[in-house]
All heavy atoms as atom14 arrays in JSON, in Angstrom:
{
  "sequence": "VEAAGKMLDECVMELKPAKVIFALGAEEAQREDFNLKKFIDQYEWR",
  "atom14_mask": [
    [1, 1, 1, 1, 1, 1, 1, 0, 0, 0, 0, 0, 0, 0],
    [1, 1, 1, 1, 1, 1, 1, 1, 1, 0, 0, 0, 0, 0],
    [1, 1, 1, 1, 1, 0, 0, 0, 0, 0, 0, 0, 0, 0],
    [1, 1, 1, 1, 1, 0, 0, 0, 0, 0, 0, 0, 0, 0],
    [1, 1, 1, 1, 0, 0, 0, 0, 0, 0, 0, 0, 0, 0],
    [1, 1, 1, 1, 1, 1, 1, 1, 1, 0, 0, 0, 0, 0],
    [1, 1, 1, 1, 1, 1, 1, 1, 0, 0, 0, 0, 0, 0],
    [1, 1, 1, 1, 1, 1, 1, 1, 0, 0, 0, 0, 0, 0],
    [1, 1, 1, 1, 1, 1, 1, 1, 0, 0, 0, 0, 0, 0],
    [1, 1, 1, 1, 1, 1, 1, 1, 1, 0, 0, 0, 0, 0],
    [1, 1, 1, 1, 1, 1, 0, 0, 0, 0, 0, 0, 0, 0],
    [1, 1, 1, 1, 1, 1, 1, 0, 0, 0, 0, 0, 0, 0],
    [1, 1, 1, 1, 1, 1, 1, 1, 0, 0, 0, 0, 0, 0],
    [1, 1, 1, 1, 1, 1, 1, 1, 1, 0, 0, 0, 0, 0],
    [1, 1, 1, 1, 1, 1, 1, 1, 0, 0, 0, 0, 0, 0],
    [1, 1, 1, 1, 1, 1, 1, 1, 1, 0, 0, 0, 0, 0],
    [1, 1, 1, 1, 1, 1, 1, 0, 0, 0, 0, 0, 0, 0],
    [1, 1, 1, 1, 1, 0, 0, 0, 0, 0, 0, 0, 0, 0],
    [1, 1, 1, 1, 1, 1, 1, 1, 1, 0, 0, 0, 0, 0],
    [1, 1, 1, 1, 1, 1, 1, 0, 0, 0, 0, 0, 0, 0],
    [1, 1, 1, 1, 1, 1, 1, 1, 0, 0, 0, 0, 0, 0],
    [1, 1, 1, 1, 1, 1, 1, 1, 1, 1, 1, 0, 0, 0],
    [1, 1, 1, 1, 1, 0, 0, 0, 0, 0, 0, 0, 0, 0],
    [1, 1, 1, 1, 1, 1, 1, 1, 0, 0, 0, 0, 0, 0],
    [1, 1, 1, 1, 0, 0, 0, 0, 0, 0, 0, 0, 0, 0],
    [1, 1, 1, 1, 1, 0, 0, 0, 0, 0, 0, 0, 0, 0],
    [1, 1, 1, 1, 1, 1, 1, 1, 1, 0, 0, 0, 0, 0],
    [1, 1, 1, 1, 1, 1, 1, 1, 1, 0, 0, 0, 0, 0],
    [1, 1, 1, 1, 1, 0, 0, 0, 0, 0, 0, 0, 0, 0],
    [1, 1, 1, 1, 1, 1, 1, 1, 1, 0, 0, 0, 0, 0],
    [1, 1, 1, 1, 1, 1, 1, 1, 1, 1, 1, 0, 0, 0],
    [1, 1, 1, 1, 1, 1, 1, 1, 1, 0, 0, 0, 0, 0],
    [1, 1, 1, 1, 1, 1, 1, 1, 0, 0, 0, 0, 0, 0],
    [1, 1, 1, 1, 1, 1, 1, 1, 1, 1, 1, 0, 0, 0],
    [1, 1, 1, 1, 1, 1, 1, 1, 0, 0, 0, 0, 0, 0],
    [1, 1, 1, 1, 1, 1, 1, 1, 0, 0, 0, 0, 0, 0],
    [1, 1, 1, 1, 1, 1, 1, 1, 1, 0, 0, 0, 0, 0],
    [1, 1, 1, 1, 1, 1, 1, 1, 1, 0, 0, 0, 0, 0],
    [1, 1, 1, 1, 1, 1, 1, 1, 1, 1, 1, 0, 0, 0],
    [1, 1, 1, 1, 1, 1, 1, 1, 0, 0, 0, 0, 0, 0],
    [1, 1, 1, 1, 1, 1, 1, 1, 0, 0, 0, 0, 0, 0],
    [1, 1, 1, 1, 1, 1, 1, 1, 1, 0, 0, 0, 0, 0],
    [1, 1, 1, 1, 1, 1, 1, 1, 1, 1, 1, 1, 0, 0],
    [1, 1, 1, 1, 1, 1, 1, 1, 1, 0, 0, 0, 0, 0],
    [1, 1, 1, 1, 1, 1, 1, 1, 1, 1, 1, 1, 1, 1],
    [1, 1, 1, 1, 1, 1, 1, 1, 1, 1, 1, 0, 0, 0]
  ],
  "atom14_positions": [
    [[-3.83, -1.14, 0.84], [-2.47, -1.62, 0.61], [-2.51, -2.75, -0.42], [-1.67, -2.83, -1.31], [-1.82, -2.09, 1.92], [-0.49, -2.78, 1.65], [-1.62, -0.92, 2.85], [0.0, 0.0, 0.0], [0.0, 0.0, 0.0], [0.0, 0.0, 0.0], [0.0, 0.0, 0.0], [0.0, 0.0, 0.0], [0.0, 0.0, 0.0], [0.0, 0.0, 0.0]],
    [[-3.5, -3.62, -0.3], [-3.62, -4.73, -1.25], [-3.83, -4.21, -2.67], [-3.15, -4.62, -3.6], [-4.77, -5.65, -0.85], [-4.92, -6.84, -1.75], [-6.03, -7.79, -1.3], [-6.65, -7.56, -0.25], [-6.24, -8.78, -2.02], [0.0, 0.0, 0.0], [0.0, 0.0, 0.0], [0.0, 0.0, 0.0], [0.0, 0.0, 0.0], [0.0, 0.0, 0.0]],
    [[-4.76, -3.29, -2.86], [-5.05, -2.75, -4.18], [-3.88, -1.93, -4.71], [-3.67, -1.87, -5.93], [-6.32, -1.9, -4.15], [0.0, 0.0, 0.0], [0.0, 0.0, 0.0], [0.0, 0.0, 0.0], [0.0, 0.0, 0.0], [0.0, 0.0, 0.0], [0.0, 0.0, 0.0], [0.0, 0.0, 0.0], [0.0, 0.0, 0.0], [0.0, 0.0, 0.0]],
    [[-3.1, -1.32, -3.84], [-1.95, -0.52, -4.26], [-0.95, -1.37, -5.04], [-0.26, -0.86, -5.93], [-1.28, 0.14, -3.06], [0.0, 0.0, 0.0], [0.0, 0.0, 0.0], [0.0, 0.0, 0.0], [0.0, 0.0, 0.0], [0.0, 0.0, 0.0], [0.0, 0.0, 0.0], [0.0, 0.0, 0.0], [0.0, 0.0, 0.0], [0.0, 0.0, 0.0]],
    [[-0.87, -2.64, -4.72], [0.04, -3.52, -5.43], [-0.24, -3.58, -6.91], [0.67, -3.68, -7.73], [0.0, 0.0, 0.0], [0.0, 0.0, 0.0], [0.0, 0.0, 0.0], [0.0, 0.0, 0.0], [0.0, 0.0, 0.0], [0.0, 0.0, 0.0], [0.0, 0.0, 0.0], [0.0, 0.0, 0.0], [0.0, 0.0, 0.0], [0.0, 0.0, 0.0]],
    [[-1.51, -3.46, -7.28], [-1.9, -3.49, -8.68], [-1.77, -2.12, -9.33], [-1.9, -1.99, -10.55], [-3.34, -3.97, -8.8], [-3.53, -5.39, -8.31], [-4.97, -5.8, -8.32], [-5.12, -7.19, -7.73], [-6.5, -7.53, -7.47], [0.0, 0.0, 0.0], [0.0, 0.0, 0.0], [0.0, 0.0, 0.0], [0.0, 0.0, 0.0], [0.0, 0.0, 0.0]],
    [[-1.48, -1.1, -8.52], [-1.39, 0.27, -9.02], [0.05, 0.77, -9.13], [0.27, 1.85, -9.65], [-2.16, 1.2, -8.09], [-3.62, 0.86, -7.88], [-4.61, 1.12, -9.36], [-4.49, 2.88, -9.53], [0.0, 0.0, 0.0], [0.0, 0.0, 0.0], [0.0, 0.0, 0.0], [0.0, 0.0, 0.0], [0.0, 0.0, 0.0], [0.0, 0.0, 0.0]],
    [[1.0, 0.03, -8.63], [2.37, 0.54, -8.53], [2.97, 0.94, -9.88], [3.67, 1.94, -9.97], [3.27, -0.46, -7.82], [3.04, -0.61, -6.32], [3.97, -1.66, -5.74], [3.19, 0.7, -5.6], [0.0, 0.0, 0.0], [0.0, 0.0, 0.0], [0.0, 0.0, 0.0], [0.0, 0.0, 0.0], [0.0, 0.0, 0.0], [0.0, 0.0, 0.0]],
    [[2.7, 0.17, -10.93], [3.25, 0.53, -12.24], [2.78, 1.91, -12.66], [3.58, 2.75, -13.07], [2.87, -0.49, -13.3], [3.67, -1.78, -13.18], [4.74, -1.77, -12.56], [3.2, -2.81, -13.7], [0.0, 0.0, 0.0], [0.0, 0.0, 0.0], [0.0, 0.0, 0.0], [0.0, 0.0, 0.0], [0.0, 0.0, 0.0], [0.0, 0.0, 0.0]],
    [[1.47, 2.16, -12.56], [0.9, 3.43, -13.0], [1.12, 4.55, -11.98], [1.22, 5.71, -12.35], [-0.6, 3.28, -13.28], [-0.91, 2.46, -14.49], [-0.84, 0.95, -14.26], [-0.64, 0.51, -13.11], [-0.97, 0.21, -15.24], [0.0, 0.0, 0.0], [0.0, 0.0, 0.0], [0.0, 0.0, 0.0], [0.0, 0.0, 0.0], [0.0, 0.0, 0.0]],
    [[1.18, 4.21, -10.71], [1.32, 5.24, -9.67], [2.76, 5.63, -9.4], [3.04, 6.77, -9.05], [0.71, 4.74, -8.35], [-1.07, 4.6, -8.38], [0.0, 0.0, 0.0], [0.0, 0.0, 0.0], [0.0, 0.0, 0.0], [0.0, 0.0, 0.0], [0.0, 0.0, 0.0], [0.0, 0.0, 0.0], [0.0, 0.0, 0.0], [0.0, 0.0, 0.0]],
    [[3.69, 4.69, -9.53], [5.06, 4.95, -9.11], [6.08, 4.65, -10.2], [6.83, 5.53, -10.6], [5.41, 4.12, -7.84], [6.85, 4.33, -7.43], [4.47, 4.45, -6.7], [0.0, 0.0, 0.0], [0.0, 0.0, 0.0], [0.0, 0.0, 0.0], [0.0, 0.0, 0.0], [0.0, 0.0, 0.0], [0.0, 0.0, 0.0], [0.0, 0.0, 0.0]],
    [[6.13, 3.44, -10.67], [7.21, 2.99, -11.55], [7.37, 3.85, -12.81], [8.48, 4.19, -13.18], [7.03, 1.53, -11.95], [6.83, 0.58, -10.79], [8.13, 0.65, -9.57], [7.66, -0.72, -8.55], [0.0, 0.0, 0.0], [0.0, 0.0, 0.0], [0.0, 0.0, 0.0], [0.0, 0.0, 0.0], [0.0, 0.0, 0.0], [0.0, 0.0, 0.0]],
    [[6.27, 4.18, -13.45], [6.33, 4.97, -14.69], [6.96, 6.34, -14.46], [7.52, 6.93, -15.36], [4.94, 5.17, -15.28], [4.37, 3.94, -15.92], [3.0, 4.18, -16.56], [2.44, 5.28, -16.43], [2.5, 3.25, -17.2], [0.0, 0.0, 0.0], [0.0, 0.0, 0.0], [0.0, 0.0, 0.0], [0.0, 0.0, 0.0], [0.0, 0.0, 0.0]],
    [[6.87, 6.85, -13.25], [7.36, 8.19, -12.95], [8.85, 8.25, -12.64], [9.43, 9.32, -12.61], [6.56, 8.78, -11.78], [5.09, 9.02, -12.08], [4.32, 9.32, -10.81], [4.93, 10.14, -13.08], [0.0, 0.0, 0.0], [0.0, 0.0, 0.0], [0.0, 0.0, 0.0], [0.0, 0.0, 0.0], [0.0, 0.0, 0.0], [0.0, 0.0, 0.0]],
    [[9.46, 7.1, -12.38], [10.89, 7.04, -12.05], [11.27, 8.09, -11.0], [12.14, 8.94, -11.21], [11.74, 7.2, -13.31], [11.53, 6.08, -14.32], [12.32, 6.34, -15.59], [12.16, 5.24, -16.6], [10.82, 4.96, -17.05], [0.0, 0.0, 0.0], [0.0, 0.0, 0.0], [0.0, 0.0, 0.0], [0.0, 0.0, 0.0], [0.0, 0.0, 0.0]],
    [[10.59, 8.03, -9.84], [10.8, 9.07, -8.83], [12.1, 8.92, -8.05], [12.69, 7.85, -7.99], [9.61, 8.86, -7.89], [9.36, 7.39, -7.97], [9.63, 7.03, -9.41], [0.0, 0.0, 0.0], [0.0, 0.0, 0.0], [0.0, 0.0, 0.0], [0.0, 0.0, 0.0], [0.0, 0.0, 0.0], [0.0, 0.0, 0.0], [0.0, 0.0, 0.0]],
    [[12.51, 10.02, -7.44], [13.64, 10.01, -6.52], [13.15, 9.67, -5.11], [13.88, 9.1, -4.31], [14.33, 11.36, -6.51], [0.0, 0.0, 0.0], [0.0, 0.0, 0.0], [0.0, 0.0, 0.0], [0.0, 0.0, 0.0], [0.0, 0.0, 0.0], [0.0, 0.0, 0.0], [0.0, 0.0, 0.0], [0.0, 0.0, 0.0], [0.0, 0.0, 0.0]],
    [[11.88, 10.03, -4.83], [11.29, 9.78, -3.52], [9.84, 9.33, -3.69], [9.12, 9.84, -4.54], [11.32, 11.05, -2.66], [12.72, 11.53, -2.37], [12.69, 12.82, -1.58], [14.12, 13.29, -1.36], [14.17, 14.57, -0.65], [0.0, 0.0, 0.0], [0.0, 0.0, 0.0], [0.0, 0.0, 0.0], [0.0, 0.0, 0.0], [0.0, 0.0, 0.0]],
    [[9.45, 8.39, -2.82], [8.06, 7.92, -2.79], [7.58, 8.0, -1.35], [8.27, 7.55, -0.44], [7.93, 6.46, -3.3], [6.49, 5.98, -3.19], [8.43, 6.34, -4.73], [0.0, 0.0, 0.0], [0.0, 0.0, 0.0], [0.0, 0.0, 0.0], [0.0, 0.0, 0.0], [0.0, 0.0, 0.0], [0.0, 0.0, 0.0], [0.0, 0.0, 0.0]],
    [[6.41, 8.56, -1.18], [5.79, 8.63, 0.13], [4.55, 7.75, 0.11], [3.63, 7.99, -0.68], [5.39, 10.08, 0.49], [6.6, 11.0, 0.43], [4.72, 10.12, 1.87], [6.26, 12.47, 0.45], [0.0, 0.0, 0.0], [0.0, 0.0, 0.0], [0.0, 0.0, 0.0], [0.0, 0.0, 0.0], [0.0, 0.0, 0.0], [0.0, 0.0, 0.0]],
    [[4.54, 6.73, 0.95], [3.37, 5.86, 1.08], [2.54, 6.36, 2.26], [3.06, 6.53, 3.36], [3.78, 4.41, 1.35], [4.18, 3.65, 0.11], [5.51, 3.52, -0.23], [3.22, 3.07, -0.7], [5.89, 2.82, -1.36], [3.59, 2.38, -1.84], [4.93, 2.25, -2.17], [0.0, 0.0, 0.0], [0.0, 0.0, 0.0], [0.0, 0.0, 0.0]],
    [[1.28, 6.61, 2.02], [0.35, 7.06, 3.05], [-0.9, 6.19, 2.97], [-2.0, 6.65, 2.68], [0.01, 8.54, 2.86], [0.0, 0.0, 0.0], [0.0, 0.0, 0.0], [0.0, 0.0, 0.0], [0.0, 0.0, 0.0], [0.0, 0.0, 0.0], [0.0, 0.0, 0.0], [0.0, 0.0, 0.0], [0.0, 0.0, 0.0], [0.0, 0.0, 0.0]],
    [[-0.69, 4.91, 3.19], [-1.77, 3.93, 3.09], [-2.16, 3.41, 4.46], [-1.37, 3.46, 5.39], [-1.32, 2.76, 2.21], [-1.04, 3.11, 0.75], [-0.23, 2.01, 0.08], [-2.35, 3.35, 0.02], [0.0, 0.0, 0.0], [0.0, 0.0, 0.0], [0.0, 0.0, 0.0], [0.0, 0.0, 0.0], [0.0, 0.0, 0.0], [0.0, 0.0, 0.0]],
    [[-3.37, 2.89, 4.57], [-3.82, 2.27, 5.8], [-5.11, 2.84, 6.36], [-5.74, 2.23, 7.21], [0.0, 0.0, 0.0], [0.0, 0.0, 0.0], [0.0, 0.0, 0.0], [0.0, 0.0, 0.0], [0.0, 0.0, 0.0], [0.0, 0.0, 0.0], [0.0, 0.0, 0.0], [0.0, 0.0, 0.0], [0.0, 0.0, 0.0], [0.0, 0.0, 0.0]],
    [[-5.52, 4.01, 5.89], [-6.74, 4.62, 6.41], [-7.96, 3.75, 6.13], [-8.86, 3.64, 6.97], [-6.93, 6.01, 5.81], [0.0, 0.0, 0.0], [0.0, 0.0, 0.0], [0.0, 0.0, 0.0], [0.0, 0.0, 0.0], [0.0, 0.0, 0.0], [0.0, 0.0, 0.0], [0.0, 0.0, 0.0], [0.0, 0.0, 0.0], [0.0, 0.0, 0.0]],
    [[-7.98, 3.12, 4.97], [-9.11, 2.26, 4.62], [-9.16, 1.03, 5.53], [-10.2, 0.65, 6.04], [-9.03, 1.83, 3.15], [-9.05, 2.97, 2.17], [-10.28, 3.86, 2.31], [-11.4, 3.32, 2.45], [-10.11, 5.08, 2.27], [0.0, 0.0, 0.0], [0.0, 0.0, 0.0], [0.0, 0.0, 0.0], [0.0, 0.0, 0.0], [0.0, 0.0, 0.0]],
    [[-8.0, 0.41, 5.71], [-7.93, -0.79, 6.55], [-8.27, -0.49, 8.0], [-8.89, -1.3, 8.68], [-6.52, -1.41, 6.47], [-6.2, -2.06, 5.15], [-5.62, -1.11, 4.11], [-5.68, 0.12, 4.3], [-5.13, -1.6, 3.1], [0.0, 0.0, 0.0], [0.0, 0.0, 0.0], [0.0, 0.0, 0.0], [0.0, 0.0, 0.0], [0.0, 0.0, 0.0]],
    [[-7.87, 0.68, 8.48], [-8.1, 1.05, 9.88], [-9.59, 1.07, 10.22], [-9.96, 0.87, 11.37], [-7.48, 2.4, 10.18], [0.0, 0.0, 0.0], [0.0, 0.0, 0.0], [0.0, 0.0, 0.0], [0.0, 0.0, 0.0], [0.0, 0.0, 0.0], [0.0, 0.0, 0.0], [0.0, 0.0, 0.0], [0.0, 0.0, 0.0], [0.0, 0.0, 0.0]],
    [[-10.42, 1.31, 9.23], [-11.87, 1.4, 9.45], [-12.58, 0.05, 9.42], [-13.75, -0.05, 9.75], [-12.49, 2.33, 8.41], [-11.93, 3.73, 8.43], [-12.11, 4.44, 9.76], [-13.13, 4.29, 10.43], [-11.11, 5.2, 10.16], [0.0, 0.0, 0.0], [0.0, 0.0, 0.0], [0.0, 0.0, 0.0], [0.0, 0.0, 0.0], [0.0, 0.0, 0.0]],
    [[-11.87, -0.99, 9.0], [-12.5, -2.31, 8.85], [-12.61, -3.04, 10.18], [-11.68, -3.05, 10.97], [-11.69, -3.17, 7.89], [-11.75, -2.67, 6.48], [-11.02, -3.62, 5.58], [-11.14, -3.21, 4.2], [-10.42, -3.7, 3.22], [-9.52, -4.64, 3.46], [-10.58, -3.27, 1.99], [0.0, 0.0, 0.0], [0.0, 0.0, 0.0], [0.0, 0.0, 0.0]],
    [[-13.74, -3.69, 10.36], [-13.94, -4.49, 11.57], [-13.08, -5.75, 11.56], [-12.68, -6.24, 12.61], [-15.42, -4.87, 11.71], [-16.3, -3.69, 12.08], [-17.74, -4.1, 12.26], [-18.0, -5.3, 12.54], [-18.6, -3.23, 12.12], [0.0, 0.0, 0.0], [0.0, 0.0, 0.0], [0.0, 0.0, 0.0], [0.0, 0.0, 0.0], [0.0, 0.0, 0.0]],
    [[-12.79, -6.26, 10.37], [-12.01, -7.5, 10.25], [-10.52, -7.2, 10.01], [-9.8, -8.04, 9.47], [-12.56, -8.37, 9.12], [-12.46, -7.72, 7.75], [-12.27, -6.48, 7.68], [-12.56, -8.44, 6.75], [0.0, 0.0, 0.0], [0.0, 0.0, 0.0], [0.0, 0.0, 0.0], [0.0, 0.0, 0.0], [0.0, 0.0, 0.0], [0.0, 0.0, 0.0]],
    [[-10.05, -6.05, 10.45], [-8.66, -5.64, 10.23], [-7.7, -6.64, 10.87], [-7.84, -7.02, 12.02], [-8.41, -4.24, 10.81], [-6.99, -3.82, 10.75], [-6.37, -3.57, 9.54], [-6.24, -3.67, 11.91], [-5.04, -3.18, 9.47], [-4.91, -3.28, 11.86], [-4.32, -3.03, 10.64], [0.0, 0.0, 0.0], [0.0, 0.0, 0.0], [0.0, 0.0, 0.0]],
    [[-6.69, -7.05, 10.09], [-5.67, -7.98, 10.55], [-4.31, -7.28, 10.42], [-3.82, -7.1, 9.3], [-5.72, -9.26, 9.71], [-4.68, -10.27, 10.12], [-3.52, -9.97, 10.3], [-5.13, -11.52, 10.26], [0.0, 0.0, 0.0], [0.0, 0.0, 0.0], [0.0, 0.0, 0.0], [0.0, 0.0, 0.0], [0.0, 0.0, 0.0], [0.0, 0.0, 0.0]],
    [[-3.72, -6.9, 11.53], [-2.49, -6.11, 11.52], [-1.34, -6.86, 10.86], [-0.61, -6.28, 10.06], [-2.11, -5.7, 12.95], [-0.86, -4.82, 13.07], [-1.04, -3.51, 12.32], [-0.53, -4.56, 14.53], [0.0, 0.0, 0.0], [0.0, 0.0, 0.0], [0.0, 0.0, 0.0], [0.0, 0.0, 0.0], [0.0, 0.0, 0.0], [0.0, 0.0, 0.0]],
    [[-1.18, -8.14, 11.13], [-0.07, -8.89, 10.54], [-0.2, -8.94, 9.02], [0.78, -8.7, 8.3], [0.0, -10.31, 11.1], [1.18, -11.08, 10.51], [1.28, -12.48, 11.02], [2.39, -13.3, 10.44], [3.11, -12.82, 9.3], [0.0, 0.0, 0.0], [0.0, 0.0, 0.0], [0.0, 0.0, 0.0], [0.0, 0.0, 0.0], [0.0, 0.0, 0.0]],
    [[-1.39, -9.23, 8.52], [-1.6, -9.28, 7.08], [-1.33, -7.91, 6.45], [-0.69, -7.81, 5.41], [-3.03, -9.73, 6.78], [-3.35, -9.82, 5.3], [-4.78, -10.29, 5.08], [-5.1, -10.3, 3.6], [-6.5, -10.66, 3.34], [0.0, 0.0, 0.0], [0.0, 0.0, 0.0], [0.0, 0.0, 0.0], [0.0, 0.0, 0.0], [0.0, 0.0, 0.0]],
    [[-1.81, -6.86, 7.11], [-1.6, -5.5, 6.63], [-0.11, -5.17, 6.52], [0.36, -4.69, 5.5], [-2.31, -4.52, 7.57], [-1.99, -3.07, 7.32], [-2.57, -2.39, 6.27], [-1.12, -2.39, 8.16], [-2.28, -1.04, 6.04], [-0.83, -1.06, 7.95], [-1.41, -0.38, 6.89], [0.0, 0.0, 0.0], [0.0, 0.0, 0.0], [0.0, 0.0, 0.0]],
    [[0.64, -5.45, 7.57], [2.08, -5.16, 7.59], [2.82, -6.01, 6.55], [3.72, -5.52, 5.86], [2.67, -5.34, 9.0], [2.1, -4.27, 9.94], [4.19, -5.31, 8.98], [2.45, -2.84, 9.56], [0.0, 0.0, 0.0], [0.0, 0.0, 0.0], [0.0, 0.0, 0.0], [0.0, 0.0, 0.0], [0.0, 0.0, 0.0], [0.0, 0.0, 0.0]],
    [[2.43, -7.27, 6.41], [3.05, -8.13, 5.4], [2.83, -7.56, 3.99], [3.75, -7.52, 3.16], [2.5, -9.55, 5.47], [3.0, -10.33, 6.68], [3.95, -9.87, 7.35], [2.42, -11.39, 6.97], [0.0, 0.0, 0.0], [0.0, 0.0, 0.0], [0.0, 0.0, 0.0], [0.0, 0.0, 0.0], [0.0, 0.0, 0.0], [0.0, 0.0, 0.0]],
    [[1.61, -7.12, 3.7], [1.31, -6.54, 2.38], [2.06, -5.23, 2.19], [2.6, -4.97, 1.11], [-0.19, -6.31, 2.23], [-0.99, -7.58, 2.1], [-2.47, -7.33, 2.06], [-2.98, -6.32, 2.55], [-3.21, -8.26, 1.49], [0.0, 0.0, 0.0], [0.0, 0.0, 0.0], [0.0, 0.0, 0.0], [0.0, 0.0, 0.0], [0.0, 0.0, 0.0]],
    [[2.11, -4.42, 3.22], [2.81, -3.14, 3.15], [4.3, -3.37, 2.89], [4.9, -2.71, 2.05], [2.63, -2.38, 4.47], [2.53, -0.88, 4.32], [1.37, -0.2, 4.7], [3.6, -0.11, 3.85], [1.28, 1.17, 4.6], [3.51, 1.26, 3.75], [2.35, 1.9, 4.13], [2.26, 3.27, 4.03], [0.0, 0.0, 0.0], [0.0, 0.0, 0.0]],
    [[4.87, -4.34, 3.59], [6.28, -4.66, 3.41], [6.56, -5.09, 1.97], [7.57, -4.7, 1.38], [6.72, -5.76, 4.38], [8.19, -6.09, 4.28], [8.64, -7.1, 5.33], [7.79, -7.85, 5.86], [9.85, -7.13, 5.61], [0.0, 0.0, 0.0], [0.0, 0.0, 0.0], [0.0, 0.0, 0.0], [0.0, 0.0, 0.0], [0.0, 0.0, 0.0]],
    [[5.66, -5.85, 1.39], [5.85, -6.29, 0.01], [5.8, -5.1, -0.95], [6.56, -5.04, -1.91], [4.82, -7.36, -0.36], [5.11, -7.95, -1.7], [4.37, -7.8, -2.84], [6.24, -8.76, -2.07], [4.97, -8.48, -3.89], [6.12, -9.07, -3.43], [7.33, -9.25, -1.36], [7.04, -9.85, -4.11], [8.25, -10.02, -2.05], [8.1, -10.31, -3.4]],
    [[4.92, -4.14, -0.69], [4.85, -2.94, -1.55], [6.17, -2.17, -1.46], [6.71, -1.71, -2.47], [3.71, -2.01, -1.16], [2.33, -2.61, -1.16], [1.94, -3.28, -2.47], [0.74, -4.06, -2.29], [0.69, -5.39, -2.34], [1.77, -6.1, -2.58], [-0.44, -6.02, -2.16], [0.0, 0.0, 0.0], [0.0, 0.0, 0.0], [0.0, 0.0, 0.0]]
  ]
}
């Protein structure tokens, strides 16, 4: 989710989509130091 913030221009904005599906979180779910609040805050910002 954090890295996606740096990818939004190339992944989403340039395409001018009608719909966007976010399917992020699989990487974070595997981390031992996973912080749910930080994850949700970053996701909300995206």
